[in-house]
Amino acid sequence: MVIDDNLLEVVRQSLILTLKIAAPILGAGVLIGLTISIVQSVTSIQEQTLTFVPKIFGMVLVAVLLLSWIVAKIAEFATAMFSLYGPV
């Protein structure tokens, strides 16, 4: 099986772009979860469902705030892919 180096480079670039886009959203979820866990341990509140709503709200908020950046990065990648392979 012959694997083209260009194909591997495209897959690598797409995975890196995915990580760059997901990192801020997932980072917000981790920070919110860590903060709520610390508050829960200090106050001895052991409600497991308490972390879900703030995490979801925070992650959606970060996604909405970064939406223009995310769309710009995806558009850049799509433009690069279309210019790389051209019309079929």
PDB file of N, CA and C in Angstrom:
ATOM      1  N   MET A   1       0.847  -1.179   0.000  1.00  0.00           N
ATOM      2  CA  MET A   1       0.000   0.000   0.000  1.00  0.00           C
ATOM      3  C   MET A   1       0.893   1.244   0.000  1.00  0.00           C
ATOM      4  N   VAL A   2       0.695   2.079  -0.982  1.00  0.00           N
ATOM      5  CA  VAL A   2       1.492   3.286  -1.114  1.00  0.00           C
ATOM      6  C   VAL A   2       0.702   4.461  -0.532  1.00  0.00           C
ATOM      7  N   ILE A   3       1.347   5.162   0.373  1.00  0.00           N
ATOM      8  CA  ILE A   3       0.709   6.321   0.991  1.00  0.00           C
ATOM      9  C   ILE A   3       1.419   7.570   0.497  1.00  0.00           C
ATOM     10  N   ASP A   4       0.654   8.485  -0.050  1.00  0.00           N
ATOM     11  CA  ASP A   4       1.200   9.717  -0.589  1.00  0.00           C
ATOM     12  C   ASP A   4       1.598  10.643   0.558  1.00  0.00           C
ATOM     13  N   ASP A   5       2.762  11.279   0.435  1.00  0.00           N
ATOM     14  CA  ASP A   5       3.221  12.198   1.483  1.00  0.00           C
ATOM     15  C   ASP A   5       2.306  13.412   1.602  1.00  0.00           C
ATOM     16  N   ASN A   6       1.731  13.848   0.483  1.00  0.00           N
ATOM     17  CA  ASN A   6       0.809  14.983   0.531  1.00  0.00           C
ATOM     18  C   ASN A   6      -0.439  14.646   1.335  1.00  0.00           C
ATOM     19  N   LEU A   7      -0.912  13.420   1.193  1.00  0.00           N
ATOM     20  CA  LEU A   7      -2.078  12.983   1.951  1.00  0.00           C
ATOM     21  C   LEU A   7      -1.786  12.977   3.448  1.00  0.00           C
ATOM     22  N   LEU A   8      -0.625  12.483   3.826  1.00  0.00           N
ATOM     23  CA  LEU A   8      -0.251  12.491   5.241  1.00  0.00           C
ATOM     24  C   LEU A   8      -0.135  13.914   5.781  1.00  0.00           C
ATOM     25  N   GLU A   9       0.373  14.816   4.966  1.00  0.00           N
ATOM     26  CA  GLU A   9       0.493  16.212   5.396  1.00  0.00           C
ATOM     27  C   GLU A   9      -0.883  16.852   5.583  1.00  0.00           C
ATOM     28  N   VAL A  10      -1.817  16.546   4.707  1.00  0.00           N
ATOM     29  CA  VAL A  10      -3.182  17.078   4.828  1.00  0.00           C
ATOM     30  C   VAL A  10      -3.837  16.546   6.091  1.00  0.00           C
ATOM     31  N   VAL A  11      -3.670  15.260   6.367  1.00  0.00           N
ATOM     32  CA  VAL A  11      -4.245  14.674   7.586  1.00  0.00           C
ATOM     33  C   VAL A  11      -3.613  15.309   8.816  1.00  0.00           C
ATOM     34  N   ARG A  12      -2.290  15.505   8.788  1.00  0.00           N
ATOM     35  CA  ARG A  12      -1.600  16.130   9.925  1.00  0.00           C
ATOM     36  C   ARG A  12      -2.109  17.550  10.160  1.00  0.00           C
ATOM     37  N   GLN A  13      -2.245  18.321   9.075  1.00  0.00           N
ATOM     38  CA  GLN A  13      -2.730  19.694   9.202  1.00  0.00           C
ATOM     39  C   GLN A  13      -4.161  19.736   9.722  1.00  0.00           C
ATOM     40  N   SER A  14      -4.999  18.819   9.268  1.00  0.00           N
ATOM     41  CA  SER A  14      -6.388  18.813   9.728  1.00  0.00           C
ATOM     42  C   SER A  14      -6.480  18.440  11.202  1.00  0.00           C
ATOM     43  N   LEU A  15      -5.660  17.507  11.657  1.00  0.00           N
ATOM     44  CA  LEU A  15      -5.666  17.147  13.077  1.00  0.00           C
ATOM     45  C   LEU A  15      -5.150  18.286  13.952  1.00  0.00           C
ATOM     46  N   ILE A  16      -4.118  18.967  13.489  1.00  0.00           N
ATOM     47  CA  ILE A  16      -3.597  20.110  14.248  1.00  0.00           C
ATOM     48  C   ILE A  16      -4.635  21.224  14.309  1.00  0.00           C
ATOM     49  N   LEU A  17      -5.319  21.478  13.202  1.00  0.00           N
ATOM     50  CA  LEU A  17      -6.372  22.498  13.197  1.00  0.00           C
ATOM     51  C   LEU A  17      -7.496  22.121  14.163  1.00  0.00           C
ATOM     52  N   THR A  18      -7.868  20.851  14.177  1.00  0.00           N
ATOM     53  CA  THR A  18      -8.904  20.387  15.094  1.00  0.00           C
ATOM     54  C   THR A  18      -8.490  20.611  16.538  1.00  0.00           C
ATOM     55  N   LEU A  19      -7.248  20.308  16.859  1.00  0.00           N
ATOM     56  CA  LEU A  19      -6.759  20.531  18.224  1.00  0.00           C
ATOM     57  C   LEU A  19      -6.730  22.017  18.578  1.00  0.00           C
ATOM     58  N   LYS A  20      -6.308  22.858  17.632  1.00  0.00           N
ATOM     59  CA  LYS A  20      -6.267  24.299  17.885  1.00  0.00           C
ATOM     60  C   LYS A  20      -7.666  24.869  18.133  1.00  0.00           C
ATOM     61  N   ILE A  21      -8.651  24.360  17.401  1.00  0.00           N
ATOM     62  CA  ILE A  21     -10.019  24.856  17.561  1.00  0.00           C
ATOM     63  C   ILE A  21     -10.636  24.341  18.854  1.00  0.00           C
ATOM     64  N   ALA A  22     -10.378  23.090  19.183  1.00  0.00           N
ATOM     65  CA  ALA A  22     -11.007  22.490  20.362  1.00  0.00           C
ATOM     66  C   ALA A  22     -10.334  22.889  21.672  1.00  0.00           C
ATOM     67  N   ALA A  23      -9.056  23.242  21.638  1.00  0.00           N
ATOM     68  CA  ALA A  23      -8.307  23.507  22.871  1.00  0.00           C
ATOM     69  C   ALA A  23      -8.911  24.606  23.748  1.00  0.00           C
ATOM     70  N   PRO A  24      -9.279  25.776  23.213  1.00  0.00           N
ATOM     71  CA  PRO A  24      -9.839  26.803  24.089  1.00  0.00           C
ATOM     72  C   PRO A  24     -11.173  26.389  24.719  1.00  0.00           C
ATOM     73  N   ILE A  25     -11.985  25.678  23.960  1.00  0.00           N
ATOM     74  CA  ILE A  25     -13.292  25.261  24.469  1.00  0.00           C
ATOM     75  C   ILE A  25     -13.110  24.209  25.560  1.00  0.00           C
ATOM     76  N   LEU A  26     -12.269  23.228  25.305  1.00  0.00           N
ATOM     77  CA  LEU A  26     -12.009  22.199  26.302  1.00  0.00           C
ATOM     78  C   LEU A  26     -11.270  22.762  27.505  1.00  0.00           C
ATOM     79  N   GLY A  27     -10.378  23.723  27.276  1.00  0.00           N
ATOM     80  CA  GLY A  27      -9.673  24.372  28.383  1.00  0.00           C
ATOM     81  C   GLY A  27     -10.626  25.100  29.312  1.00  0.00           C
ATOM     82  N   ALA A  28     -11.630  25.756  28.732  1.00  0.00           N
ATOM     83  CA  ALA A  28     -12.632  26.428  29.557  1.00  0.00           C
ATOM     84  C   ALA A  28     -13.394  25.414  30.398  1.00  0.00           C
ATOM     85  N   GLY A  29     -13.729  24.275  29.818  1.00  0.00           N
ATOM     86  CA  GLY A  29     -14.424  23.232  30.566  1.00  0.00           C
ATOM     87  C   GLY A  29     -13.588  22.693  31.705  1.00  0.00           C
ATOM     88  N   VAL A  30     -12.294  22.512  31.454  1.00  0.00           N
ATOM     89  CA  VAL A  30     -11.398  22.019  32.503  1.00  0.00           C
ATOM     90  C   VAL A  30     -11.267  23.037  33.629  1.00  0.00           C
ATOM     91  N   LEU A  31     -11.069  24.304  33.278  1.00  0.00           N
ATOM     92  CA  LEU A  31     -10.919  25.332  34.311  1.00  0.00           C
ATOM     93  C   LEU A  31     -12.191  25.496  35.140  1.00  0.00           C
ATOM     94  N   ILE A  32     -13.329  25.494  34.491  1.00  0.00           N
ATOM     95  CA  ILE A  32     -14.594  25.620  35.220  1.00  0.00           C
ATOM     96  C   ILE A  32     -14.806  24.398  36.106  1.00  0.00           C
ATOM     97  N   GLY A  33     -14.538  23.219  35.589  1.00  0.00           N
ATOM     98  CA  GLY A  33     -14.684  21.998  36.378  1.00  0.00           C
ATOM     99  C   GLY A  33     -13.753  21.968  37.575  1.00  0.00           C
ATOM    100  N   LEU A  34     -12.512  22.400  37.379  1.00  0.00           N
ATOM    101  CA  LEU A  34     -11.553  22.453  38.479  1.00  0.00           C
ATOM    102  C   LEU A  34     -11.983  23.449  39.551  1.00  0.00           C
ATOM    103  N   THR A  35     -12.447  24.607  39.108  1.00  0.00           N
ATOM    104  CA  THR A  35     -12.913  25.624  40.063  1.00  0.00           C
ATOM    105  C   THR A  35     -14.100  25.114  40.867  1.00  0.00           C
ATOM    106  N   ILE A  36     -15.052  24.511  40.213  1.00  0.00           N
ATOM    107  CA  ILE A  36     -16.234  24.000  40.908  1.00  0.00           C
ATOM    108  C   ILE A  36     -15.849  22.854  41.842  1.00  0.00           C
ATOM    109  N   SER A  37     -14.907  22.020  41.440  1.00  0.00           N
ATOM    110  CA  SER A  37     -14.456  20.927  42.302  1.00  0.00           C
ATOM    111  C   SER A  37     -13.791  21.458  43.560  1.00  0.00           C
ATOM    112  N   ILE A  38     -12.991  22.510  43.422  1.00  0.00           N
ATOM    113  CA  ILE A  38     -12.359  23.115  44.592  1.00  0.00           C
ATOM    114  C   ILE A  38     -13.410  23.705  45.524  1.00  0.00           C
ATOM    115  N   VAL A  39     -14.388  24.403  44.949  1.00  0.00           N
ATOM    116  CA  VAL A  39     -15.464  24.978  45.771  1.00  0.00           C
ATOM    117  C   VAL A  39     -16.249  23.867  46.453  1.00  0.00           C
ATOM    118  N   GLN A  40     -16.512  22.787  45.751  1.00  0.00           N
ATOM    119  CA  GLN A  40     -17.240  21.670  46.347  1.00  0.00           C
ATOM    120  C   GLN A  40     -16.458  21.029  47.482  1.00  0.00           C
ATOM    121  N   SER A  41     -15.167  20.890  47.315  1.00  0.00           N
ATOM    122  CA  SER A  41     -14.388  20.267  48.378  1.00  0.00           C
ATOM    123  C   SER A  41     -14.249  21.176  49.587  1.00  0.00           C
ATOM    124  N   VAL A  42     -14.195  22.486  49.371  1.00  0.00           N
ATOM    125  CA  VAL A  42     -14.097  23.424  50.491  1.00  0.00           C
ATOM    126  C   VAL A  42     -15.411  23.496  51.257  1.00  0.00           C
ATOM    127  N   THR A  43     -16.523  23.483  50.540  1.00  0.00           N
ATOM    128  CA  THR A  43     -17.832  23.628  51.187  1.00  0.00           C
ATOM    129  C   THR A  43     -18.482  22.291  51.528  1.00  0.00           C
ATOM    130  N   SER A  44     -17.818  21.192  51.194  1.00  0.00           N
ATOM    131  CA  SER A  44     -18.334  19.831  51.455  1.00  0.00           C
ATOM    132  C   SER A  44     -19.664  19.554  50.765  1.00  0.00           C
ATOM    133  N   ILE A  45     -19.908  20.210  49.652  1.00  0.00           N
ATOM    134  CA  ILE A  45     -21.082  19.912  48.838  1.00  0.00           C
ATOM    135  C   ILE A  45     -20.662  18.843  47.836  1.00  0.00           C
ATOM    136  N   GLN A  46     -21.281  17.689  47.883  1.00  0.00           N
ATOM    137  CA  GLN A  46     -20.880  16.586  47.021  1.00  0.00           C
ATOM    138  C   GLN A  46     -21.949  16.255  45.980  1.00  0.00           C
ATOM    139  N   GLU A  47     -22.534  17.263  45.384  1.00  0.00           N
ATOM    140  CA  GLU A  47     -23.540  17.066  44.341  1.00  0.00           C
ATOM    141  C   GLU A  47     -22.828  16.904  43.001  1.00  0.00           C
ATOM    142  N   GLN A  48     -22.967  15.749  42.364  1.00  0.00           N
ATOM    143  CA  GLN A  48     -22.265  15.464  41.124  1.00  0.00           C
ATOM    144  C   GLN A  48     -22.809  16.250  39.934  1.00  0.00           C
ATOM    145  N   THR A  49     -24.090  16.562  39.951  1.00  0.00           N
ATOM    146  CA  THR A  49     -24.688  17.255  38.811  1.00  0.00           C
ATOM    147  C   THR A  49     -24.404  18.749  38.822  1.00  0.00           C
ATOM    148  N   LEU A  50     -23.826  19.252  39.891  1.00  0.00           N
ATOM    149  CA  LEU A  50     -23.564  20.694  40.011  1.00  0.00           C
ATOM    150  C   LEU A  50     -22.543  21.175  38.989  1.00  0.00           C
ATOM    151  N   THR A  51     -21.669  20.312  38.534  1.00  0.00           N
ATOM    152  CA  THR A  51     -20.620  20.754  37.613  1.00  0.00           C
ATOM    153  C   THR A  51     -21.080  20.837  36.167  1.00  0.00           C
ATOM    154  N   PHE A  52     -22.116  20.107  35.792  1.00  0.00           N
ATOM    155  CA  PHE A  52     -22.497  20.019  34.382  1.00  0.00           C
ATOM    156  C   PHE A  52     -23.004  21.329  33.803  1.00  0.00           C
ATOM    157  N   VAL A  53     -23.921  21.975  34.462  1.00  0.00           N
ATOM    158  CA  VAL A  53     -24.534  23.187  33.900  1.00  0.00           C
ATOM    159  C   VAL A  53     -23.511  24.311  33.732  1.00  0.00           C
ATOM    160  N   PRO A  54     -22.698  24.637  34.748  1.00  0.00           N
ATOM    161  CA  PRO A  54     -21.704  25.700  34.520  1.00  0.00           C
ATOM    162  C   PRO A  54     -20.676  25.343  33.444  1.00  0.00           C
ATOM    163  N   LYS A  55     -20.274  24.070  33.389  1.00  0.00           N
ATOM    164  CA  LYS A  55     -19.306  23.666  32.356  1.00  0.00           C
ATOM    165  C   LYS A  55     -19.896  23.815  30.968  1.00  0.00           C
ATOM    166  N   ILE A  56     -21.110  23.351  30.787  1.00  0.00           N
ATOM    167  CA  ILE A  56     -21.753  23.454  29.479  1.00  0.00           C
ATOM    168  C   ILE A  56     -21.961  24.917  29.104  1.00  0.00           C
ATOM    169  N   PHE A  57     -22.436  25.713  30.051  1.00  0.00           N
ATOM    170  CA  PHE A  57     -22.646  27.138  29.786  1.00  0.00           C
ATOM    171  C   PHE A  57     -21.330  27.823  29.417  1.00  0.00           C
ATOM    172  N   GLY A  58     -20.274  27.551  30.179  1.00  0.00           N
ATOM    173  CA  GLY A  58     -18.977  28.169  29.907  1.00  0.00           C
ATOM    174  C   GLY A  58     -18.398  27.752  28.574  1.00  0.00           C
ATOM    175  N   MET A  59     -18.527  26.474  28.240  1.00  0.00           N
ATOM    176  CA  MET A  59     -17.983  25.998  26.981  1.00  0.00           C
ATOM    177  C   MET A  59     -18.759  26.554  25.786  1.00  0.00           C
ATOM    178  N   VAL A  60     -20.073  26.659  25.921  1.00  0.00           N
ATOM    179  CA  VAL A  60     -20.872  27.264  24.848  1.00  0.00           C
ATOM    180  C   VAL A  60     -20.529  28.737  24.700  1.00  0.00           C
ATOM    181  N   LEU A  61     -20.326  29.419  25.827  1.00  0.00           N
ATOM    182  CA  LEU A  61     -19.970  30.840  25.792  1.00  0.00           C
ATOM    183  C   LEU A  61     -18.634  31.048  25.087  1.00  0.00           C
ATOM    184  N   VAL A  62     -17.651  30.234  25.410  1.00  0.00           N
ATOM    185  CA  VAL A  62     -16.346  30.340  24.749  1.00  0.00           C
ATOM    186  C   VAL A  62     -16.488  30.033  23.261  1.00  0.00           C
ATOM    187  N   ALA A  63     -17.271  29.024  22.917  1.00  0.00           N
ATOM    188  CA  ALA A  63     -17.467  28.690  21.502  1.00  0.00           C
ATOM    189  C   ALA A  63     -18.129  29.837  20.746  1.00  0.00           C
ATOM    190  N   VAL A  64     -19.110  30.474  21.353  1.00  0.00           N
ATOM    191  CA  VAL A  64     -19.784  31.604  20.699  1.00  0.00           C
ATOM    192  C   VAL A  64     -18.827  32.789  20.560  1.00  0.00           C
ATOM    193  N   LEU A  65     -18.033  33.062  21.601  1.00  0.00           N
ATOM    194  CA  LEU A  65     -17.093  34.176  21.530  1.00  0.00           C
ATOM    195  C   LEU A  65     -16.006  33.945  20.481  1.00  0.00           C
ATOM    196  N   LEU A  66     -15.614  32.704  20.294  1.00  0.00           N
ATOM    197  CA  LEU A  66     -14.553  32.382  19.333  1.00  0.00           C
ATOM    198  C   LEU A  66     -15.077  31.953  17.969  1.00  0.00           C
ATOM    199  N   LEU A  67     -16.368  32.091  17.753  1.00  0.00           N
ATOM    200  CA  LEU A  67     -16.971  31.584  16.525  1.00  0.00           C
ATOM    201  C   LEU A  67     -16.369  32.206  15.268  1.00  0.00           C
ATOM    202  N   SER A  68     -16.128  33.503  15.282  1.00  0.00           N
ATOM    203  CA  SER A  68     -15.562  34.144  14.082  1.00  0.00           C
ATOM    204  C   SER A  68     -14.146  33.639  13.821  1.00  0.00           C
ATOM    205  N   TRP A  69     -13.364  33.435  14.867  1.00  0.00           N
ATOM    206  CA  TRP A  69     -12.012  32.904  14.721  1.00  0.00           C
ATOM    207  C   TRP A  69     -12.050  31.472  14.193  1.00  0.00           C
ATOM    208  N   ILE A  70     -12.975  30.670  14.722  1.00  0.00           N
ATOM    209  CA  ILE A  70     -13.106  29.279  14.289  1.00  0.00           C
ATOM    210  C   ILE A  70     -13.487  29.215  12.811  1.00  0.00           C
ATOM    211  N   VAL A  71     -14.454  30.020  12.416  1.00  0.00           N
ATOM    212  CA  VAL A  71     -14.882  30.025  11.012  1.00  0.00           C
ATOM    213  C   VAL A  71     -13.749  30.497  10.107  1.00  0.00           C
ATOM    214  N   ALA A  72     -12.987  31.498  10.554  1.00  0.00           N
ATOM    215  CA  ALA A  72     -11.866  31.990   9.746  1.00  0.00           C
ATOM    216  C   ALA A  72     -10.804  30.905   9.563  1.00  0.00           C
ATOM    217  N   LYS A  73     -10.492  30.174  10.630  1.00  0.00           N
ATOM    218  CA  LYS A  73      -9.492  29.103  10.533  1.00  0.00           C
ATOM    219  C   LYS A  73      -9.963  27.983   9.611  1.00  0.00           C
ATOM    220  N   ILE A  74     -11.222  27.606   9.716  1.00  0.00           N
ATOM    221  CA  ILE A  74     -11.757  26.553   8.850  1.00  0.00           C
ATOM    222  C   ILE A  74     -11.797  27.021   7.401  1.00  0.00           C
ATOM    223  N   ALA A  75     -12.147  28.289   7.179  1.00  0.00           N
ATOM    224  CA  ALA A  75     -12.170  28.830   5.819  1.00  0.00           C
ATOM    225  C   ALA A  75     -10.766  28.874   5.227  1.00  0.00           C
ATOM    226  N   GLU A  76      -9.765  29.252   6.040  1.00  0.00           N
ATOM    227  CA  GLU A  76      -8.378  29.237   5.576  1.00  0.00           C
ATOM    228  C   GLU A  76      -7.962  27.832   5.161  1.00  0.00           C
ATOM    229  N   PHE A  77      -8.300  26.861   5.988  1.00  0.00           N
ATOM    230  CA  PHE A  77      -7.936  25.479   5.702  1.00  0.00           C
ATOM    231  C   PHE A  77      -8.631  24.984   4.437  1.00  0.00           C
ATOM    232  N   ALA A  78      -9.917  25.295   4.298  1.00  0.00           N
ATOM    233  CA  ALA A  78     -10.655  24.867   3.110  1.00  0.00           C
ATOM    234  C   ALA A  78     -10.082  25.516   1.851  1.00  0.00           C
ATOM    235  N   THR A  79      -9.745  26.794   1.937  1.00  0.00           N
ATOM    236  CA  THR A  79      -9.149  27.481   0.798  1.00  0.00           C
ATOM    237  C   THR A  79      -7.816  26.851   0.420  1.00  0.00           C
ATOM    238  N   ALA A  80      -7.021  26.519   1.427  1.00  0.00           N
ATOM    239  CA  ALA A  80      -5.729  25.879   1.162  1.00  0.00           C
ATOM    240  C   ALA A  80      -5.929  24.513   0.519  1.00  0.00           C
ATOM    241  N   MET A  81      -6.923  23.776   0.972  1.00  0.00           N
ATOM    242  CA  MET A  81      -7.170  22.446   0.401  1.00  0.00           C
ATOM    243  C   MET A  81      -7.657  22.539  -1.042  1.00  0.00           C
ATOM    244  N   PHE A  82      -8.557  23.489  -1.314  1.00  0.00           N
ATOM    245  CA  PHE A  82      -9.061  23.639  -2.682  1.00  0.00           C
ATOM    246  C   PHE A  82      -7.983  24.148  -3.621  1.00  0.00           C
ATOM    247  N   SER A  83      -7.113  25.027  -3.134  1.00  0.00           N
ATOM    248  CA  SER A  83      -6.041  25.525  -4.011  1.00  0.00           C
ATOM    249  C   SER A  83      -4.960  24.480  -4.191  1.00  0.00           C
ATOM    250  N   LEU A  84      -4.823  23.572  -3.226  1.00  0.00           N
ATOM    251  CA  LEU A  84      -3.805  22.522  -3.332  1.00  0.00           C
ATOM    252  C   LEU A  84      -4.165  21.509  -4.407  1.00  0.00           C
ATOM    253  N   TYR A  85      -5.413  21.109  -4.442  1.00  0.00           N
ATOM    254  CA  TYR A  85      -5.826  20.081  -5.384  1.00  0.00           C
ATOM    255  C   TYR A  85      -6.527  20.634  -6.619  1.00  0.00           C
ATOM    256  N   GLY A  86      -7.002  21.861  -6.555  1.00  0.00           N
ATOM    257  CA  GLY A  86      -7.603  22.482  -7.724  1.00  0.00           C
ATOM    258  C   GLY A  86      -8.878  21.813  -8.163  1.00  0.00           C
ATOM    259  N   PRO A  87      -9.442  22.275  -9.293  1.00  0.00           N
ATOM    260  CA  PRO A  87     -10.693  21.667  -9.784  1.00  0.00           C
ATOM    261  C   PRO A  87     -10.445  20.250 -10.288  1.00  0.00           C
ATOM    262  N   VAL A  88     -11.443  19.418 -10.081  1.00  0.00           N
ATOM    263  CA  VAL A  88     -11.324  18.017 -10.498  1.00  0.00           C
ATOM    264  C   VAL A  88     -11.877  17.828 -11.886  1.00  0.00           C
TER     265      VAL A  88
END
